[in-house]
Structures are given as C-alpha cells and as structure tokens.
All heavy atoms as atom14 arrays in JSON, in Angstrom:
{
  "sequence": "PVSVDCKVQKGNESDLRSVDFYPGNGTFDLMYYPYYGKITHVNYTSPL",
  "atom14_mask": [
    [1, 1, 1, 1, 1, 1, 1, 0, 0, 0, 0, 0, 0, 0],
    [1, 1, 1, 1, 1, 1, 1, 0, 0, 0, 0, 0, 0, 0],
    [1, 1, 1, 1, 1, 1, 0, 0, 0, 0, 0, 0, 0, 0],
    [1, 1, 1, 1, 1, 1, 1, 0, 0, 0, 0, 0, 0, 0],
    [1, 1, 1, 1, 1, 1, 1, 1, 0, 0, 0, 0, 0, 0],
    [1, 1, 1, 1, 1, 1, 0, 0, 0, 0, 0, 0, 0, 0],
    [1, 1, 1, 1, 1, 1, 1, 1, 1, 0, 0, 0, 0, 0],
    [1, 1, 1, 1, 1, 1, 1, 0, 0, 0, 0, 0, 0, 0],
    [1, 1, 1, 1, 1, 1, 1, 1, 1, 0, 0, 0, 0, 0],
    [1, 1, 1, 1, 1, 1, 1, 1, 1, 0, 0, 0, 0, 0],
    [1, 1, 1, 1, 0, 0, 0, 0, 0, 0, 0, 0, 0, 0],
    [1, 1, 1, 1, 1, 1, 1, 1, 0, 0, 0, 0, 0, 0],
    [1, 1, 1, 1, 1, 1, 1, 1, 1, 0, 0, 0, 0, 0],
    [1, 1, 1, 1, 1, 1, 0, 0, 0, 0, 0, 0, 0, 0],
    [1, 1, 1, 1, 1, 1, 1, 1, 0, 0, 0, 0, 0, 0],
    [1, 1, 1, 1, 1, 1, 1, 1, 0, 0, 0, 0, 0, 0],
    [1, 1, 1, 1, 1, 1, 1, 1, 1, 1, 1, 0, 0, 0],
    [1, 1, 1, 1, 1, 1, 0, 0, 0, 0, 0, 0, 0, 0],
    [1, 1, 1, 1, 1, 1, 1, 0, 0, 0, 0, 0, 0, 0],
    [1, 1, 1, 1, 1, 1, 1, 1, 0, 0, 0, 0, 0, 0],
    [1, 1, 1, 1, 1, 1, 1, 1, 1, 1, 1, 0, 0, 0],
    [1, 1, 1, 1, 1, 1, 1, 1, 1, 1, 1, 1, 0, 0],
    [1, 1, 1, 1, 1, 1, 1, 0, 0, 0, 0, 0, 0, 0],
    [1, 1, 1, 1, 0, 0, 0, 0, 0, 0, 0, 0, 0, 0],
    [1, 1, 1, 1, 1, 1, 1, 1, 0, 0, 0, 0, 0, 0],
    [1, 1, 1, 1, 0, 0, 0, 0, 0, 0, 0, 0, 0, 0],
    [1, 1, 1, 1, 1, 1, 1, 0, 0, 0, 0, 0, 0, 0],
    [1, 1, 1, 1, 1, 1, 1, 1, 1, 1, 1, 0, 0, 0],
    [1, 1, 1, 1, 1, 1, 1, 1, 0, 0, 0, 0, 0, 0],
    [1, 1, 1, 1, 1, 1, 1, 1, 0, 0, 0, 0, 0, 0],
    [1, 1, 1, 1, 1, 1, 1, 1, 0, 0, 0, 0, 0, 0],
    [1, 1, 1, 1, 1, 1, 1, 1, 1, 1, 1, 1, 0, 0],
    [1, 1, 1, 1, 1, 1, 1, 1, 1, 1, 1, 1, 0, 0],
    [1, 1, 1, 1, 1, 1, 1, 0, 0, 0, 0, 0, 0, 0],
    [1, 1, 1, 1, 1, 1, 1, 1, 1, 1, 1, 1, 0, 0],
    [1, 1, 1, 1, 1, 1, 1, 1, 1, 1, 1, 1, 0, 0],
    [1, 1, 1, 1, 0, 0, 0, 0, 0, 0, 0, 0, 0, 0],
    [1, 1, 1, 1, 1, 1, 1, 1, 1, 0, 0, 0, 0, 0],
    [1, 1, 1, 1, 1, 1, 1, 1, 0, 0, 0, 0, 0, 0],
    [1, 1, 1, 1, 1, 1, 1, 0, 0, 0, 0, 0, 0, 0],
    [1, 1, 1, 1, 1, 1, 1, 1, 1, 1, 0, 0, 0, 0],
    [1, 1, 1, 1, 1, 1, 1, 0, 0, 0, 0, 0, 0, 0],
    [1, 1, 1, 1, 1, 1, 1, 1, 0, 0, 0, 0, 0, 0],
    [1, 1, 1, 1, 1, 1, 1, 1, 1, 1, 1, 1, 0, 0],
    [1, 1, 1, 1, 1, 1, 1, 0, 0, 0, 0, 0, 0, 0],
    [1, 1, 1, 1, 1, 1, 0, 0, 0, 0, 0, 0, 0, 0],
    [1, 1, 1, 1, 1, 1, 1, 0, 0, 0, 0, 0, 0, 0],
    [1, 1, 1, 1, 1, 1, 1, 1, 0, 0, 0, 0, 0, 0]
  ],
  "atom14_positions": [
    [[-14.5, -52.89, -32.57], [-14.66, -52.24, -31.3], [-16.01, -52.52, -30.64], [-17.05, -52.56, -31.3], [-14.5, -50.74, -31.66], [-13.65, -50.78, -32.89], [-14.1, -51.97, -33.65], [0.0, 0.0, 0.0], [0.0, 0.0, 0.0], [0.0, 0.0, 0.0], [0.0, 0.0, 0.0], [0.0, 0.0, 0.0], [0.0, 0.0, 0.0], [0.0, 0.0, 0.0]],
    [[-15.99, -52.7, -29.32], [-17.21, -52.9, -28.57], [-17.87, -51.52, -28.36], [-17.2, -50.56, -28.03], [-16.87, -53.55, -27.21], [-18.1, -53.56, -26.29], [-16.32, -54.95, -27.41], [0.0, 0.0, 0.0], [0.0, 0.0, 0.0], [0.0, 0.0, 0.0], [0.0, 0.0, 0.0], [0.0, 0.0, 0.0], [0.0, 0.0, 0.0], [0.0, 0.0, 0.0]],
    [[-19.17, -51.47, -28.52], [-19.94, -50.22, -28.4], [-20.84, -50.26, -27.17], [-21.02, -51.33, -26.57], [-20.77, -49.93, -29.68], [-21.72, -50.98, -29.86], [0.0, 0.0, 0.0], [0.0, 0.0, 0.0], [0.0, 0.0, 0.0], [0.0, 0.0, 0.0], [0.0, 0.0, 0.0], [0.0, 0.0, 0.0], [0.0, 0.0, 0.0], [0.0, 0.0, 0.0]],
    [[-21.39, -49.1, -26.85], [-22.3, -48.99, -25.68], [-23.59, -48.4, -26.11], [-23.64, -47.47, -26.95], [-21.63, -48.07, -24.61], [-22.55, -47.89, -23.43], [-20.29, -48.63, -24.19], [0.0, 0.0, 0.0], [0.0, 0.0, 0.0], [0.0, 0.0, 0.0], [0.0, 0.0, 0.0], [0.0, 0.0, 0.0], [0.0, 0.0, 0.0], [0.0, 0.0, 0.0]],
    [[-24.68, -48.89, -25.54], [-25.98, -48.24, -25.69], [-26.73, -48.25, -24.41], [-26.36, -48.97, -23.47], [-26.84, -48.93, -26.83], [-27.35, -50.29, -26.42], [-27.51, -50.58, -25.21], [-27.56, -51.16, -27.31], [0.0, 0.0, 0.0], [0.0, 0.0, 0.0], [0.0, 0.0, 0.0], [0.0, 0.0, 0.0], [0.0, 0.0, 0.0], [0.0, 0.0, 0.0]],
    [[-27.65, -47.31, -24.27], [-28.41, -47.18, -23.05], [-29.9, -47.01, -23.35], [-30.25, -46.44, -24.4], [-27.98, -45.89, -22.26], [-26.29, -45.89, -21.66], [0.0, 0.0, 0.0], [0.0, 0.0, 0.0], [0.0, 0.0, 0.0], [0.0, 0.0, 0.0], [0.0, 0.0, 0.0], [0.0, 0.0, 0.0], [0.0, 0.0, 0.0], [0.0, 0.0, 0.0]],
    [[-30.75, -47.6, -22.53], [-32.21, -47.53, -22.74], [-32.86, -47.63, -21.36], [-32.21, -48.01, -20.33], [-32.7, -48.58, -23.61], [-32.5, -50.04, -23.14], [-33.02, -51.0, -24.16], [-32.94, -52.44, -23.64], [-33.42, -53.42, -24.61], [0.0, 0.0, 0.0], [0.0, 0.0, 0.0], [0.0, 0.0, 0.0], [0.0, 0.0, 0.0], [0.0, 0.0, 0.0]],
    [[-34.14, -47.32, -21.29], [-34.91, -47.48, -20.05], [-35.03, -48.95, -19.78], [-35.47, -49.73, -20.59], [-36.31, -46.81, -20.2], [-37.13, -47.13, -18.98], [-36.14, -45.28, -20.34], [0.0, 0.0, 0.0], [0.0, 0.0, 0.0], [0.0, 0.0, 0.0], [0.0, 0.0, 0.0], [0.0, 0.0, 0.0], [0.0, 0.0, 0.0], [0.0, 0.0, 0.0]],
    [[-34.68, -49.33, -18.54], [-34.7, -50.77, -18.17], [-36.09, -51.24, -17.83], [-36.49, -52.31, -18.2], [-33.72, -51.0, -17.02], [-33.41, -52.47, -16.76], [-34.21, -53.0, -15.55], [-34.67, -52.23, -14.71], [-34.34, -54.29, -15.46], [0.0, 0.0, 0.0], [0.0, 0.0, 0.0], [0.0, 0.0, 0.0], [0.0, 0.0, 0.0], [0.0, 0.0, 0.0]],
    [[-36.84, -50.35, -17.14], [-38.26, -50.65, -16.92], [-38.99, -49.31, -16.8], [-38.49, -48.37, -16.18], [-38.45, -51.48, -15.67], [-37.97, -50.9, -14.37], [-38.31, -51.89, -13.2], [-37.83, -51.25, -11.87], [-38.12, -52.15, -10.75], [0.0, 0.0, 0.0], [0.0, 0.0, 0.0], [0.0, 0.0, 0.0], [0.0, 0.0, 0.0], [0.0, 0.0, 0.0]],
    [[-40.13, -49.29, -17.4], [-40.88, -48.06, -17.44], [-41.1, -47.57, -18.89], [-40.96, -48.3, -19.84], [0.0, 0.0, 0.0], [0.0, 0.0, 0.0], [0.0, 0.0, 0.0], [0.0, 0.0, 0.0], [0.0, 0.0, 0.0], [0.0, 0.0, 0.0], [0.0, 0.0, 0.0], [0.0, 0.0, 0.0], [0.0, 0.0, 0.0], [0.0, 0.0, 0.0]],
    [[-41.4, -46.32, -19.0], [-41.72, -45.68, -20.29], [-40.43, -45.33, -21.05], [-39.57, -44.63, -20.46], [-42.61, -44.43, -20.1], [-43.24, -44.0, -21.41], [-42.62, -44.08, -22.45], [-44.5, -43.56, -21.31], [0.0, 0.0, 0.0], [0.0, 0.0, 0.0], [0.0, 0.0, 0.0], [0.0, 0.0, 0.0], [0.0, 0.0, 0.0], [0.0, 0.0, 0.0]],
    [[-40.24, -45.78, -22.27], [-39.02, -45.45, -23.04], [-38.84, -43.95, -23.18], [-37.7, -43.53, -23.35], [-39.08, -46.14, -24.38], [-38.98, -47.67, -24.31], [-38.92, -48.32, -25.67], [-38.9, -47.58, -26.68], [-38.91, -49.58, -25.75], [0.0, 0.0, 0.0], [0.0, 0.0, 0.0], [0.0, 0.0, 0.0], [0.0, 0.0, 0.0], [0.0, 0.0, 0.0]],
    [[-39.87, -43.2, -23.22], [-39.78, -41.75, -23.4], [-39.19, -41.04, -22.2], [-38.89, -39.82, -22.25], [-41.14, -41.14, -23.72], [-42.03, -41.3, -22.62], [0.0, 0.0, 0.0], [0.0, 0.0, 0.0], [0.0, 0.0, 0.0], [0.0, 0.0, 0.0], [0.0, 0.0, 0.0], [0.0, 0.0, 0.0], [0.0, 0.0, 0.0], [0.0, 0.0, 0.0]],
    [[-39.02, -41.75, -21.08], [-38.39, -41.15, -19.91], [-36.9, -40.8, -20.16], [-36.33, -39.96, -19.52], [-38.43, -42.05, -18.69], [-39.87, -42.28, -18.2], [-40.77, -41.48, -18.63], [-40.11, -43.26, -17.45], [0.0, 0.0, 0.0], [0.0, 0.0, 0.0], [0.0, 0.0, 0.0], [0.0, 0.0, 0.0], [0.0, 0.0, 0.0], [0.0, 0.0, 0.0]],
    [[-36.3, -41.5, -21.14], [-34.93, -41.21, -21.53], [-34.96, -40.85, -23.0], [-34.99, -41.67, -23.9], [-34.02, -42.47, -21.32], [-32.57, -42.4, -21.75], [-31.86, -41.32, -20.99], [-31.9, -43.77, -21.55], [0.0, 0.0, 0.0], [0.0, 0.0, 0.0], [0.0, 0.0, 0.0], [0.0, 0.0, 0.0], [0.0, 0.0, 0.0], [0.0, 0.0, 0.0]],
    [[-34.89, -39.49, -23.22], [-35.09, -39.02, -24.62], [-33.78, -38.8, -25.37], [-33.78, -38.82, -26.6], [-35.9, -37.69, -24.54], [-37.33, -37.91, -24.11], [-38.15, -36.67, -24.04], [-37.81, -35.86, -22.84], [-38.47, -35.96, -21.73], [-39.49, -36.83, -21.64], [-38.14, -35.2, -20.68], [0.0, 0.0, 0.0], [0.0, 0.0, 0.0], [0.0, 0.0, 0.0]],
    [[-32.67, -38.6, -24.66], [-31.43, -38.31, -25.41], [-30.21, -38.67, -24.56], [-30.14, -38.3, -23.38], [-31.41, -36.82, -25.79], [-30.21, -36.51, -26.5], [0.0, 0.0, 0.0], [0.0, 0.0, 0.0], [0.0, 0.0, 0.0], [0.0, 0.0, 0.0], [0.0, 0.0, 0.0], [0.0, 0.0, 0.0], [0.0, 0.0, 0.0], [0.0, 0.0, 0.0]],
    [[-29.27, -39.33, -25.19], [-27.98, -39.68, -24.59], [-26.87, -39.48, -25.6], [-27.03, -39.99, -26.75], [-27.87, -41.14, -24.07], [-26.63, -41.39, -23.27], [-29.1, -41.49, -23.2], [0.0, 0.0, 0.0], [0.0, 0.0, 0.0], [0.0, 0.0, 0.0], [0.0, 0.0, 0.0], [0.0, 0.0, 0.0], [0.0, 0.0, 0.0], [0.0, 0.0, 0.0]],
    [[-25.85, -38.71, -25.24], [-24.69, -38.61, -26.13], [-23.55, -39.4, -25.58], [-23.4, -39.56, -24.36], [-24.26, -37.12, -26.16], [-25.28, -36.18, -26.84], [-26.03, -36.74, -27.7], [-25.36, -35.03, -26.46], [0.0, 0.0, 0.0], [0.0, 0.0, 0.0], [0.0, 0.0, 0.0], [0.0, 0.0, 0.0], [0.0, 0.0, 0.0], [0.0, 0.0, 0.0]],
    [[-22.79, -39.98, -26.47], [-21.68, -40.85, -26.09], [-20.35, -40.28, -26.55], [-20.19, -39.8, -27.63], [-21.85, -42.25, -26.69], [-23.08, -42.96, -26.19], [-24.28, -42.88, -26.87], [-23.08, -43.77, -25.02], [-25.39, -43.59, -26.44], [-24.13, -44.45, -24.56], [-25.36, -44.31, -25.25], [0.0, 0.0, 0.0], [0.0, 0.0, 0.0], [0.0, 0.0, 0.0]],
    [[-19.34, -40.37, -25.64], [-17.99, -39.96, -25.99], [-16.99, -41.02, -25.46], [-17.26, -41.65, -24.49], [-17.65, -38.62, -25.29], [-18.64, -37.54, -25.54], [-19.53, -37.15, -24.49], [-18.72, -36.83, -26.78], [-20.48, -36.11, -24.73], [-19.68, -35.81, -26.96], [-20.47, -35.48, -25.95], [-21.4, -34.5, -26.15], [0.0, 0.0, 0.0], [0.0, 0.0, 0.0]],
    [[-15.84, -41.17, -26.15], [-15.47, -40.5, -27.4], [-16.19, -41.07, -28.64], [-16.68, -42.2, -28.57], [-13.93, -40.8, -27.48], [-13.8, -42.07, -26.72], [-14.79, -42.04, -25.66], [0.0, 0.0, 0.0], [0.0, 0.0, 0.0], [0.0, 0.0, 0.0], [0.0, 0.0, 0.0], [0.0, 0.0, 0.0], [0.0, 0.0, 0.0], [0.0, 0.0, 0.0]],
    [[-16.21, -40.29, -29.7], [-16.81, -40.74, -30.93], [-18.2, -41.21, -30.75], [-19.1, -40.54, -30.19], [0.0, 0.0, 0.0], [0.0, 0.0, 0.0], [0.0, 0.0, 0.0], [0.0, 0.0, 0.0], [0.0, 0.0, 0.0], [0.0, 0.0, 0.0], [0.0, 0.0, 0.0], [0.0, 0.0, 0.0], [0.0, 0.0, 0.0], [0.0, 0.0, 0.0]],
    [[-18.47, -42.44, -31.23], [-19.78, -42.98, -31.15], [-19.97, -43.96, -29.99], [-20.78, -44.86, -30.03], [-20.13, -43.68, -32.46], [-19.09, -44.73, -32.85], [-18.05, -44.83, -32.2], [-19.37, -45.47, -33.91], [0.0, 0.0, 0.0], [0.0, 0.0, 0.0], [0.0, 0.0, 0.0], [0.0, 0.0, 0.0], [0.0, 0.0, 0.0], [0.0, 0.0, 0.0]],
    [[-19.15, -43.81, -28.94], [-19.32, -44.63, -27.79], [-18.75, -45.97, -27.9], [-19.4, -46.98, -27.63], [0.0, 0.0, 0.0], [0.0, 0.0, 0.0], [0.0, 0.0, 0.0], [0.0, 0.0, 0.0], [0.0, 0.0, 0.0], [0.0, 0.0, 0.0], [0.0, 0.0, 0.0], [0.0, 0.0, 0.0], [0.0, 0.0, 0.0], [0.0, 0.0, 0.0]],
    [[-17.47, -46.08, -28.33], [-16.83, -47.42, -28.49], [-15.51, -47.43, -27.71], [-14.93, -46.38, -27.43], [-16.5, -47.7, -29.94], [-15.68, -46.67, -30.52], [-17.8, -47.75, -30.76], [0.0, 0.0, 0.0], [0.0, 0.0, 0.0], [0.0, 0.0, 0.0], [0.0, 0.0, 0.0], [0.0, 0.0, 0.0], [0.0, 0.0, 0.0], [0.0, 0.0, 0.0]],
    [[-15.11, -48.66, -27.37], [-13.78, -48.91, -26.73], [-12.77, -49.26, -27.83], [-12.88, -50.34, -28.38], [-13.94, -50.01, -25.69], [-14.75, -49.68, -24.52], [-16.1, -49.97, -24.51], [-14.21, -49.04, -23.4], [-16.88, -49.72, -23.38], [-14.99, -48.77, -22.28], [-16.35, -49.1, -22.29], [0.0, 0.0, 0.0], [0.0, 0.0, 0.0], [0.0, 0.0, 0.0]],
    [[-11.9, -48.34, -28.11], [-10.92, -48.6, -29.22], [-10.1, -49.79, -28.96], [-9.67, -50.12, -27.8], [-9.97, -47.36, -29.34], [-9.34, -47.29, -30.75], [-8.51, -48.19, -30.99], [-9.61, -46.4, -31.51], [0.0, 0.0, 0.0], [0.0, 0.0, 0.0], [0.0, 0.0, 0.0], [0.0, 0.0, 0.0], [0.0, 0.0, 0.0], [0.0, 0.0, 0.0]],
    [[-9.78, -50.55, -30.02], [-9.01, -51.79, -29.89], [-7.6, -51.55, -29.4], [-6.99, -52.44, -28.88], [-9.0, -52.47, -31.27], [-10.32, -52.91, -31.89], [-10.06, -53.55, -33.25], [-11.13, -53.8, -31.0], [0.0, 0.0, 0.0], [0.0, 0.0, 0.0], [0.0, 0.0, 0.0], [0.0, 0.0, 0.0], [0.0, 0.0, 0.0], [0.0, 0.0, 0.0]],
    [[-7.09, -50.39, -29.61], [-5.68, -50.16, -29.29], [-5.36, -50.26, -27.76], [-4.2, -50.37, -27.41], [-5.21, -48.79, -29.8], [-5.83, -47.59, -29.14], [-5.22, -46.04, -29.9], [-6.2, -44.85, -28.97], [0.0, 0.0, 0.0], [0.0, 0.0, 0.0], [0.0, 0.0, 0.0], [0.0, 0.0, 0.0], [0.0, 0.0, 0.0], [0.0, 0.0, 0.0]],
    [[-6.41, -50.24, -26.94], [-6.17, -50.39, -25.5], [-6.15, -51.8, -25.05], [-6.07, -52.1, -23.84], [-7.27, -49.62, -24.73], [-7.28, -48.12, -25.07], [-8.28, -47.59, -25.92], [-6.28, -47.28, -24.61], [-8.3, -46.25, -26.22], [-6.24, -45.97, -24.95], [-7.27, -45.43, -25.75], [-7.26, -44.07, -26.1], [0.0, 0.0, 0.0], [0.0, 0.0, 0.0]],
    [[-6.16, -52.75, -25.98], [-6.16, -54.16, -25.67], [-5.07, -54.89, -26.47], [-4.76, -54.5, -27.56], [-7.55, -54.78, -25.92], [-8.62, -54.02, -25.23], [-9.38, -52.99, -25.88], [-8.93, -54.27, -23.88], [-10.39, -52.31, -25.21], [-9.95, -53.56, -23.21], [-10.62, -52.58, -23.89], [-11.62, -51.89, -23.23], [0.0, 0.0, 0.0], [0.0, 0.0, 0.0]],
    [[-4.59, -56.0, -25.95], [-4.89, -56.64, -24.65], [-4.19, -55.96, -23.45], [-3.22, -55.16, -23.66], [-4.37, -58.05, -24.84], [-3.18, -57.91, -25.77], [-3.57, -56.81, -26.7], [0.0, 0.0, 0.0], [0.0, 0.0, 0.0], [0.0, 0.0, 0.0], [0.0, 0.0, 0.0], [0.0, 0.0, 0.0], [0.0, 0.0, 0.0], [0.0, 0.0, 0.0]],
    [[-4.73, -56.26, -22.29], [-4.13, -55.8, -21.05], [-3.22, -56.93, -20.51], [-3.53, -58.08, -20.55], [-5.24, -55.55, -20.01], [-4.82, -55.34, -18.6], [-3.97, -54.27, -18.27], [-5.3, -56.14, -17.6], [-3.58, -54.03, -16.98], [-4.95, -55.9, -16.27], [-4.08, -54.88, -16.0], [-3.72, -54.66, -14.67], [0.0, 0.0, 0.0], [0.0, 0.0, 0.0]],
    [[-2.01, -56.49, -20.09], [-0.96, -57.46, -19.68], [-0.76, -57.67, -18.17], [0.12, -58.38, -17.76], [0.39, -57.07, -20.33], [0.39, -57.28, -21.85], [0.07, -56.24, -22.74], [0.73, -58.51, -22.39], [0.09, -56.49, -24.11], [0.79, -58.73, -23.74], [0.42, -57.7, -24.58], [0.42, -57.92, -25.96], [0.0, 0.0, 0.0], [0.0, 0.0, 0.0]],
    [[-1.6, -57.02, -17.38], [-1.52, -57.23, -15.95], [-0.84, -56.09, -15.22], [0.05, -55.41, -15.82], [0.0, 0.0, 0.0], [0.0, 0.0, 0.0], [0.0, 0.0, 0.0], [0.0, 0.0, 0.0], [0.0, 0.0, 0.0], [0.0, 0.0, 0.0], [0.0, 0.0, 0.0], [0.0, 0.0, 0.0], [0.0, 0.0, 0.0], [0.0, 0.0, 0.0]],
    [[-1.14, -55.86, -13.94], [-0.67, -54.72, -13.22], [0.83, -54.77, -12.97], [1.48, -53.71, -12.72], [-1.41, -54.58, -11.91], [-1.24, -55.7, -10.94], [-2.05, -55.5, -9.62], [-1.85, -56.62, -8.66], [-2.68, -56.38, -7.41], [0.0, 0.0, 0.0], [0.0, 0.0, 0.0], [0.0, 0.0, 0.0], [0.0, 0.0, 0.0], [0.0, 0.0, 0.0]],
    [[1.49, -55.93, -12.98], [2.89, -56.01, -12.72], [3.73, -55.45, -13.85], [4.7, -54.69, -13.63], [3.32, -57.48, -12.45], [2.65, -57.97, -11.19], [4.81, -57.56, -12.28], [2.99, -59.43, -10.86], [0.0, 0.0, 0.0], [0.0, 0.0, 0.0], [0.0, 0.0, 0.0], [0.0, 0.0, 0.0], [0.0, 0.0, 0.0], [0.0, 0.0, 0.0]],
    [[3.34, -55.68, -15.07], [4.14, -55.23, -16.21], [3.44, -54.07, -16.95], [4.15, -53.25, -17.54], [4.37, -56.39, -17.28], [3.1, -56.92, -17.66], [5.24, -57.49, -16.65], [0.0, 0.0, 0.0], [0.0, 0.0, 0.0], [0.0, 0.0, 0.0], [0.0, 0.0, 0.0], [0.0, 0.0, 0.0], [0.0, 0.0, 0.0], [0.0, 0.0, 0.0]],
    [[2.13, -53.96, -16.87], [1.44, -52.88, -17.56], [1.18, -51.74, -16.55], [0.03, -51.4, -16.26], [0.14, -53.4, -18.16], [-0.19, -52.92, -19.57], [-1.01, -53.59, -20.43], [0.32, -51.9, -20.26], [-1.04, -53.0, -21.55], [-0.23, -51.95, -21.48], [0.0, 0.0, 0.0], [0.0, 0.0, 0.0], [0.0, 0.0, 0.0], [0.0, 0.0, 0.0]],
    [[2.24, -51.23, -16.01], [2.14, -50.39, -14.83], [1.42, -49.05, -15.02], [0.74, -48.62, -14.1], [3.57, -50.08, -14.26], [4.19, -51.39, -13.68], [4.51, -49.55, -15.36], [0.0, 0.0, 0.0], [0.0, 0.0, 0.0], [0.0, 0.0, 0.0], [0.0, 0.0, 0.0], [0.0, 0.0, 0.0], [0.0, 0.0, 0.0], [0.0, 0.0, 0.0]],
    [[1.5, -48.48, -16.21], [0.84, -47.16, -16.42], [-0.48, -47.31, -17.16], [-1.08, -46.29, -17.6], [1.81, -46.22, -17.22], [2.98, -45.82, -16.42], [2.9, -45.61, -15.2], [4.13, -45.69, -17.04], [0.0, 0.0, 0.0], [0.0, 0.0, 0.0], [0.0, 0.0, 0.0], [0.0, 0.0, 0.0], [0.0, 0.0, 0.0], [0.0, 0.0, 0.0]],
    [[-1.01, -48.48, -17.29], [-2.24, -48.72, -18.05], [-3.39, -48.01, -17.37], [-3.6, -48.12, -16.19], [-2.52, -50.23, -18.09], [-3.71, -50.56, -18.93], [-3.63, -50.71, -20.31], [-4.95, -50.82, -18.31], [-4.77, -51.1, -21.06], [-6.1, -51.16, -19.05], [-5.97, -51.32, -20.43], [-7.07, -51.67, -21.15], [0.0, 0.0, 0.0], [0.0, 0.0, 0.0]],
    [[-4.15, -47.26, -18.13], [-5.36, -46.62, -17.71], [-6.51, -47.17, -18.57], [-6.45, -47.02, -19.8], [-5.31, -45.08, -17.77], [-4.6, -44.69, -18.95], [-4.6, -44.51, -16.52], [0.0, 0.0, 0.0], [0.0, 0.0, 0.0], [0.0, 0.0, 0.0], [0.0, 0.0, 0.0], [0.0, 0.0, 0.0], [0.0, 0.0, 0.0], [0.0, 0.0, 0.0]],
    [[-7.49, -47.75, -17.98], [-8.6, -48.32, -18.74], [-9.32, -47.33, -19.62], [-9.6, -46.17, -19.13], [-9.61, -48.95, -17.78], [-8.98, -49.97, -17.01], [0.0, 0.0, 0.0], [0.0, 0.0, 0.0], [0.0, 0.0, 0.0], [0.0, 0.0, 0.0], [0.0, 0.0, 0.0], [0.0, 0.0, 0.0], [0.0, 0.0, 0.0], [0.0, 0.0, 0.0]],
    [[-9.64, -47.67, -20.83], [-10.44, -46.77, -21.68], [-11.8, -46.59, -21.08], [-12.35, -47.45, -20.35], [-10.47, -47.48, -23.03], [-10.31, -48.9, -22.69], [-9.33, -48.93, -21.51], [0.0, 0.0, 0.0], [0.0, 0.0, 0.0], [0.0, 0.0, 0.0], [0.0, 0.0, 0.0], [0.0, 0.0, 0.0], [0.0, 0.0, 0.0], [0.0, 0.0, 0.0]],
    [[-12.46, -45.47, -21.41], [-13.75, -45.12, -20.85], [-14.74, -44.78, -21.96], [-14.31, -44.37, -23.05], [-13.71, -43.96, -19.88], [-12.63, -44.03, -18.76], [-12.52, -42.63, -18.08], [-13.02, -45.07, -17.74], [0.0, 0.0, 0.0], [0.0, 0.0, 0.0], [0.0, 0.0, 0.0], [0.0, 0.0, 0.0], [0.0, 0.0, 0.0], [0.0, 0.0, 0.0]]
  ]
}
C-alpha cells in the first residue's frame, strides 16, 4: 500500500507539530485497485 506523509515545505519544521492520518496509518488500500474506467467501473469512488 502507498502511504502519505506531510511536513513543512519551507520554513521551521516546528510550525507543523502534529498530523493524524485516517484511515489507519494513512495508506491507500490495495483493494481499490486497479481502476477499470468510468464506462464499466460506474460506481467507483476513489479511496481517500
């Protein structure tokens, strides 16, 4: 699974002291892939 992290892009790292990720540890579960296209995968909702 692909994960997500966040940090200060420029400036003091202490400006961003805490971030929580959901669901779980902030990953995109494999079960939502592959995507087959809007014509046949009509009810597909992208994971967040």
